[in-house]
Amino acid sequence: MSVREFVVLGTASQVPTRHRNHNGYLLRWDGEGILFDPGEGTQRQMLRAGVAAHDINRICITHFHGDHSLGLAGVIQRINLDQVPHPVTAHYPASGQKFFDRLRYATAYRETVPLREEPVAADGVLAQGSSYVLEARLLSHPVESFGYRITEPDGRRMVPELLARHGIKGPDVGRIQREGRLGEVTLDEVSEFRPGQRFAFVMDTRLCPGVDALAEGCDMLVIESTFLDEDERLATDHGHLTAGQAARVARDAGVRHLVLTHFSQRYTDPAEFERQARAAGFEGELTVAADLVRVPLPKRG
């Protein structure tokens, strides 16, 4: 049975706190796992969250600030120590190649697992498979930063009532799905359009076209909200978003489930992020992320 859920490993901006680890997130998408921004302590958080190195198929780094990448060395070494039986692909800003190299070879270890380096230099598609397309968009931060978006191909949902009306059952259901027609009956006559799920991961950035492009029509948007709205000037100066800004992006993009994360240590009341997001007009599902929570993707439309 396919599983699509977002596992939060850490939610702190810049420095960890007593209750928040550095960033780290795993997206389970059917049989694959995509690890985003493994900050310091990610390997420990994986253990606490029940995430194994074997679960990782891709690693996506948005940028090379330490709270988003210092855990990469430990994660890579754990992948090799556990002899993960499949290759792992790493995506990261091409401008940070020297940082990736330093983290990959921070200490001596035995390489047992192929690690494919696929640096990101511009907007566009990074990978395409049967269950999703992975793409990147440039964001606006003091260092080069990219956000990531996963899009499932659109499909069709079989409608039992329509199948029964046309007398189609058993193996013939699979046949009409594969071939698009069974005798005089077309697939369109016994099914309905089902849009593919869309997920986006947006970390350190100001408002910019890349944020809007990533968020558009998403079933789930994971987005930084480092600051509260009263500190919008600080957010802009340091290349970040406020809770209200993130919520307005989600509202205007038609996001179904908004996940806020990457919180500054200056704030002690997580509920204020939710209050400001609601005040900004976002009415969909809303999660103010906490370490080790699991957030299921919304059911397909």
Protein backbone atom coordinates (compact mmCIF):
# COMPACT_ATOMS: atom_id res chain seq x y z
CA MET A 1 0.00 0.00 0.00
CA SER A 2 1.41 3.39 -0.99
CA VAL A 3 2.26 5.88 1.75
CA ARG A 4 2.60 9.60 1.24
CA GLU A 5 3.51 11.54 4.34
CA PHE A 6 5.81 14.29 5.48
CA VAL A 7 8.03 13.49 8.46
CA VAL A 8 9.42 16.48 10.38
CA LEU A 9 12.86 15.87 11.87
CA GLY A 10 13.73 19.42 12.89
CA THR A 11 12.20 22.89 12.73
CA ALA A 12 14.69 25.42 14.15
CA SER A 13 16.13 28.33 12.23
CA GLN A 14 19.85 29.08 12.60
CA VAL A 15 20.40 27.40 15.98
CA PRO A 16 18.71 24.45 17.72
CA THR A 17 16.71 25.03 20.89
CA ARG A 18 15.68 22.76 23.75
CA HIS A 19 12.59 21.73 21.85
CA ARG A 20 13.61 22.18 18.21
CA ASN A 21 16.43 20.51 16.31
CA HIS A 22 18.06 22.00 13.25
CA ASN A 23 16.11 21.49 10.02
CA GLY A 24 15.50 18.05 8.56
CA TYR A 25 12.51 16.61 6.71
CA LEU A 26 11.65 13.36 4.95
CA LEU A 27 8.92 13.03 2.35
CA ARG A 28 7.65 9.48 1.92
CA TRP A 29 6.22 9.16 -1.56
CA ASP A 30 5.01 5.63 -2.24
CA GLY A 31 8.15 3.48 -2.14
CA GLU A 32 10.64 6.36 -2.14
CA GLY A 33 12.01 8.74 0.47
CA ILE A 34 13.27 12.25 -0.23
CA LEU A 35 15.35 13.85 2.53
CA PHE A 36 15.32 17.65 2.56
CA ASP A 37 17.88 19.92 4.24
CA PRO A 38 19.55 17.66 6.82
CA GLY A 39 20.87 20.05 9.44
CA GLU A 40 23.06 19.15 12.39
CA GLY A 41 21.61 16.28 14.43
CA THR A 42 19.49 14.84 11.61
CA GLN A 43 20.87 11.33 12.06
CA ARG A 44 19.76 11.35 15.70
CA GLN A 45 16.33 12.71 14.77
CA MET A 46 15.92 9.99 12.16
CA LEU A 47 16.38 7.40 14.89
CA ARG A 48 13.77 9.08 17.08
CA ALA A 49 11.31 9.37 14.19
CA GLY A 50 11.71 5.80 12.98
CA VAL A 51 13.39 6.83 9.72
CA ALA A 52 16.14 4.52 8.48
CA ALA A 53 18.95 5.24 6.06
CA HIS A 54 17.35 2.63 3.81
CA ASP A 55 14.36 4.97 3.46
CA ILE A 56 16.40 7.61 1.62
CA ASN A 57 16.47 7.62 -2.19
CA ARG A 58 17.14 11.31 -2.78
CA ILE A 59 18.65 14.17 -0.81
CA CYS A 60 17.60 17.71 -1.72
CA ILE A 61 19.58 20.62 -0.28
CA THR A 62 18.06 24.07 -0.73
CA HIS A 63 21.24 25.99 0.16
CA PHE A 64 24.47 25.68 2.11
CA HIS A 65 23.80 27.47 5.35
CA GLY A 66 24.70 25.21 8.26
CA ASP A 67 21.21 24.76 9.68
CA HIS A 68 20.22 23.18 6.36
CA SER A 69 23.28 21.09 5.56
CA LEU A 70 25.65 20.34 8.46
CA GLY A 71 23.98 16.97 9.04
CA LEU A 72 24.75 15.86 5.50
CA ALA A 73 28.12 14.36 6.43
CA GLY A 74 26.60 12.07 9.04
CA VAL A 75 23.68 11.06 6.83
CA ILE A 76 25.97 10.13 3.93
CA GLN A 77 28.23 8.10 6.20
CA ARG A 78 25.22 6.34 7.74
CA ILE A 79 23.93 5.44 4.27
CA ASN A 80 27.27 3.78 3.58
CA LEU A 81 27.60 2.18 7.03
CA ASP A 82 24.16 0.58 6.65
CA GLN A 83 24.98 -0.48 3.07
CA VAL A 84 21.76 0.88 1.62
CA PRO A 85 20.92 -1.45 -1.29
CA HIS A 86 20.06 1.27 -3.82
CA PRO A 87 21.84 4.30 -5.25
CA VAL A 88 21.10 7.67 -3.65
CA THR A 89 20.87 10.89 -5.66
CA ALA A 90 21.83 14.28 -4.22
CA HIS A 91 20.52 17.59 -5.56
CA TYR A 92 22.01 20.88 -4.32
CA PRO A 93 22.95 24.32 -5.69
CA ALA A 94 25.80 23.95 -8.14
CA SER A 95 27.38 27.12 -6.74
CA GLY A 96 27.92 25.26 -3.46
CA GLN A 97 29.85 22.34 -4.93
CA LYS A 98 32.86 23.02 -2.70
CA PHE A 99 30.65 22.82 0.40
CA PHE A 100 29.06 19.58 -0.78
CA ASP A 101 32.50 18.07 -1.41
CA ARG A 102 33.70 19.07 2.06
CA LEU A 103 30.63 17.58 3.73
CA ARG A 104 30.71 14.40 1.67
CA TYR A 105 34.34 13.79 2.59
CA ALA A 106 34.44 15.47 6.01
CA THR A 107 36.10 12.41 7.57
CA ALA A 108 37.40 9.02 6.52
CA TYR A 109 34.85 6.26 5.85
CA ARG A 110 34.29 3.38 3.46
CA GLU A 111 32.06 4.15 0.50
CA THR A 112 29.74 1.23 -0.20
CA VAL A 113 26.75 2.96 -1.82
CA PRO A 114 26.73 4.88 -5.12
CA LEU A 115 25.95 8.54 -4.46
CA ARG A 116 24.93 10.35 -7.62
CA GLU A 117 25.69 14.05 -7.57
CA GLU A 118 23.19 16.09 -9.61
CA PRO A 119 23.80 19.77 -8.80
CA VAL A 120 21.15 22.35 -9.66
CA ALA A 121 22.21 25.34 -11.76
CA ALA A 122 18.88 26.74 -13.01
CA ASP A 123 15.12 26.37 -12.88
CA GLY A 124 13.75 23.21 -14.42
CA VAL A 125 13.04 19.51 -14.17
CA LEU A 126 15.60 17.47 -12.23
CA ALA A 127 14.10 13.98 -12.43
CA GLN A 128 11.11 12.31 -14.01
CA GLY A 129 9.63 8.93 -13.15
CA SER A 130 6.33 7.08 -13.27
CA SER A 131 4.98 8.55 -10.01
CA TYR A 132 6.38 12.09 -9.94
CA VAL A 133 8.34 14.86 -11.62
CA LEU A 134 10.90 16.69 -9.45
CA GLU A 135 11.73 20.26 -10.36
CA ALA A 136 13.56 23.22 -8.83
CA ARG A 137 13.01 26.98 -8.76
CA LEU A 138 15.47 29.70 -7.74
CA LEU A 139 14.61 31.57 -4.54
CA SER A 140 15.86 34.87 -3.04
CA HIS A 141 18.35 34.52 -0.18
CA PRO A 142 21.81 35.94 0.59
CA VAL A 143 23.31 32.70 -0.76
CA GLU A 144 21.96 30.83 -3.78
CA SER A 145 18.92 28.83 -2.75
CA PHE A 146 16.50 26.58 -4.64
CA GLY A 147 13.07 25.29 -3.69
CA TYR A 148 11.76 21.92 -4.83
CA ARG A 149 8.41 20.77 -6.20
CA ILE A 150 7.06 17.27 -6.78
CA THR A 151 4.20 16.76 -9.21
CA GLU A 152 2.37 13.50 -9.79
CA PRO A 153 1.17 12.98 -13.39
CA ASP A 154 -2.55 13.54 -13.83
CA GLY A 155 -4.59 10.36 -14.14
CA ARG A 156 -8.10 8.98 -14.15
CA ARG A 157 -10.21 7.38 -11.42
CA MET A 158 -12.43 4.47 -12.37
CA VAL A 159 -16.09 5.05 -11.42
CA PRO A 160 -17.78 1.80 -10.25
CA GLU A 161 -21.26 2.97 -11.29
CA LEU A 162 -20.11 3.74 -14.83
CA LEU A 163 -18.23 0.45 -15.11
CA ALA A 164 -21.38 -1.44 -14.03
CA ARG A 165 -23.53 0.50 -16.49
CA HIS A 166 -21.32 -0.72 -19.34
CA GLY A 167 -20.96 -4.25 -17.96
CA ILE A 168 -17.20 -3.97 -17.41
CA LYS A 169 -15.75 -5.97 -14.54
CA GLY A 170 -12.88 -8.25 -13.52
CA PRO A 171 -9.81 -8.26 -15.78
CA ASP A 172 -11.56 -6.00 -18.29
CA VAL A 173 -11.21 -3.08 -15.85
CA GLY A 174 -7.45 -3.29 -16.05
CA ARG A 175 -7.59 -3.78 -19.80
CA ILE A 176 -9.56 -0.60 -20.47
CA GLN A 177 -7.19 1.30 -18.17
CA ARG A 178 -4.19 0.08 -20.16
CA GLU A 179 -5.62 0.32 -23.64
CA GLY A 180 -8.02 3.23 -23.30
CA ARG A 181 -10.89 1.37 -24.95
CA LEU A 182 -12.85 -1.86 -24.63
CA GLY A 183 -14.98 -2.53 -27.67
CA GLU A 184 -17.10 0.57 -28.18
CA VAL A 185 -16.53 1.86 -24.63
CA THR A 186 -13.78 4.43 -24.07
CA LEU A 187 -11.89 5.06 -20.85
CA ASP A 188 -13.45 8.52 -20.58
CA GLU A 189 -16.92 6.95 -20.41
CA VAL A 190 -16.16 4.91 -17.28
CA SER A 191 -13.74 7.17 -15.39
CA GLU A 192 -13.19 10.73 -14.27
CA PHE A 193 -10.20 13.05 -14.32
CA ARG A 194 -7.96 12.88 -11.23
CA PRO A 195 -5.36 15.60 -10.86
CA GLY A 196 -1.98 14.44 -9.67
CA GLN A 197 -0.83 15.42 -6.19
CA ARG A 198 1.51 18.36 -5.85
CA PHE A 199 4.02 19.03 -3.06
CA ALA A 200 6.44 21.91 -2.64
CA PHE A 201 9.31 22.58 -0.25
CA VAL A 202 10.27 26.24 0.15
CA MET A 203 12.97 27.24 2.60
CA ASP A 204 15.04 30.36 3.17
CA THR A 205 13.78 33.08 0.84
CA ARG A 206 12.14 36.44 0.49
CA LEU A 207 8.98 36.76 -1.57
CA CYS A 208 9.94 36.17 -5.21
CA PRO A 209 8.53 34.59 -8.40
CA GLY A 210 10.08 31.23 -7.50
CA VAL A 211 7.99 31.01 -4.33
CA ASP A 212 4.75 31.56 -6.25
CA ALA A 213 5.69 29.08 -8.97
CA LEU A 214 6.50 26.36 -6.45
CA ALA A 215 3.32 26.91 -4.41
CA GLU A 216 0.83 27.08 -7.26
CA GLY A 217 -1.96 24.52 -6.84
CA CYS A 218 -0.13 22.44 -4.23
CA ASP A 219 -1.86 19.86 -2.11
CA MET A 220 0.84 20.46 0.50
CA LEU A 221 3.19 23.41 0.79
CA VAL A 222 6.01 23.23 3.34
CA ILE A 223 7.36 26.74 3.73
CA GLU A 224 9.57 28.69 6.06
CA SER A 225 8.03 31.30 8.35
CA THR A 226 11.09 32.35 10.29
CA PHE A 227 9.58 35.59 11.59
CA LEU A 228 6.25 36.90 12.81
CA ASP A 229 4.66 39.76 10.89
CA GLU A 230 5.79 42.49 13.27
CA ASP A 231 9.38 41.65 12.25
CA GLU A 232 8.80 41.82 8.50
CA ARG A 233 11.67 44.26 8.03
CA LEU A 234 14.07 41.78 9.65
CA ALA A 235 12.67 39.01 7.46
CA THR A 236 13.30 40.97 4.27
CA ASP A 237 16.77 42.08 5.34
CA HIS A 238 17.85 38.52 6.10
CA GLY A 239 16.10 36.82 3.18
CA HIS A 240 13.19 35.20 5.00
CA LEU A 241 9.39 35.13 5.21
CA THR A 242 6.92 35.94 7.94
CA ALA A 243 3.97 33.77 8.93
CA GLY A 244 1.55 36.15 7.24
CA GLN A 245 3.58 36.30 4.03
CA ALA A 246 3.79 32.51 3.82
CA ALA A 247 0.06 32.18 4.45
CA ARG A 248 -0.83 34.73 1.77
CA VAL A 249 1.32 32.83 -0.72
CA ALA A 250 -0.58 29.65 0.15
CA ARG A 251 -3.95 31.41 0.02
CA ASP A 252 -3.33 32.91 -3.40
CA ALA A 253 -1.88 29.67 -4.78
CA GLY A 254 -4.86 27.54 -3.73
CA VAL A 255 -2.81 25.36 -1.36
CA ARG A 256 -4.83 22.68 0.44
CA HIS A 257 -2.49 22.00 3.40
CA LEU A 258 0.03 24.55 4.62
CA VAL A 259 2.96 23.47 6.82
CA LEU A 260 4.86 26.31 8.50
CA THR A 261 8.38 25.65 9.80
CA HIS A 262 11.91 27.08 10.32
CA PHE A 263 11.15 29.23 13.35
CA SER A 264 13.46 31.80 14.91
CA GLN A 265 14.51 31.13 18.49
CA ARG A 266 13.21 34.59 19.46
CA TYR A 267 9.62 33.30 19.56
CA THR A 268 8.28 31.07 22.33
CA ASP A 269 4.59 30.73 21.38
CA PRO A 270 4.07 28.54 18.27
CA ALA A 271 0.34 29.34 18.34
CA GLU A 272 1.11 32.90 17.24
CA PHE A 273 2.26 31.60 13.85
CA GLU A 274 -1.10 29.93 13.37
CA ARG A 275 -2.99 33.05 14.46
CA GLN A 276 -1.11 35.22 12.00
CA ALA A 277 -1.53 32.70 9.18
CA ARG A 278 -5.29 32.62 9.73
CA ALA A 279 -5.41 36.40 9.98
CA ALA A 280 -3.75 36.54 6.56
CA GLY A 281 -6.72 34.69 5.11
CA PHE A 282 -5.52 31.12 4.69
CA GLU A 283 -8.50 28.80 5.27
CA GLY A 284 -7.13 25.37 4.35
CA GLU A 285 -5.53 22.76 6.58
CA LEU A 286 -2.70 24.27 8.61
CA THR A 287 0.14 22.67 10.57
CA VAL A 288 2.64 24.61 12.65
CA ALA A 289 5.41 22.04 12.49
CA ALA A 290 6.96 20.50 15.58
CA ASP A 291 9.87 18.08 15.68
CA LEU A 292 8.99 14.42 15.00
CA VAL A 293 5.42 15.01 13.80
CA ARG A 294 4.10 13.18 10.75
CA VAL A 295 1.79 14.98 8.37
CA PRO A 296 -0.10 12.87 5.80
CA LEU A 297 -0.55 14.38 2.37
CA PRO A 298 -4.16 15.29 1.63
CA LYS A 299 -6.18 12.64 -0.15
CA ARG A 300 -6.17 12.98 -3.91
CA GLY A 301 -8.78 15.31 -5.26
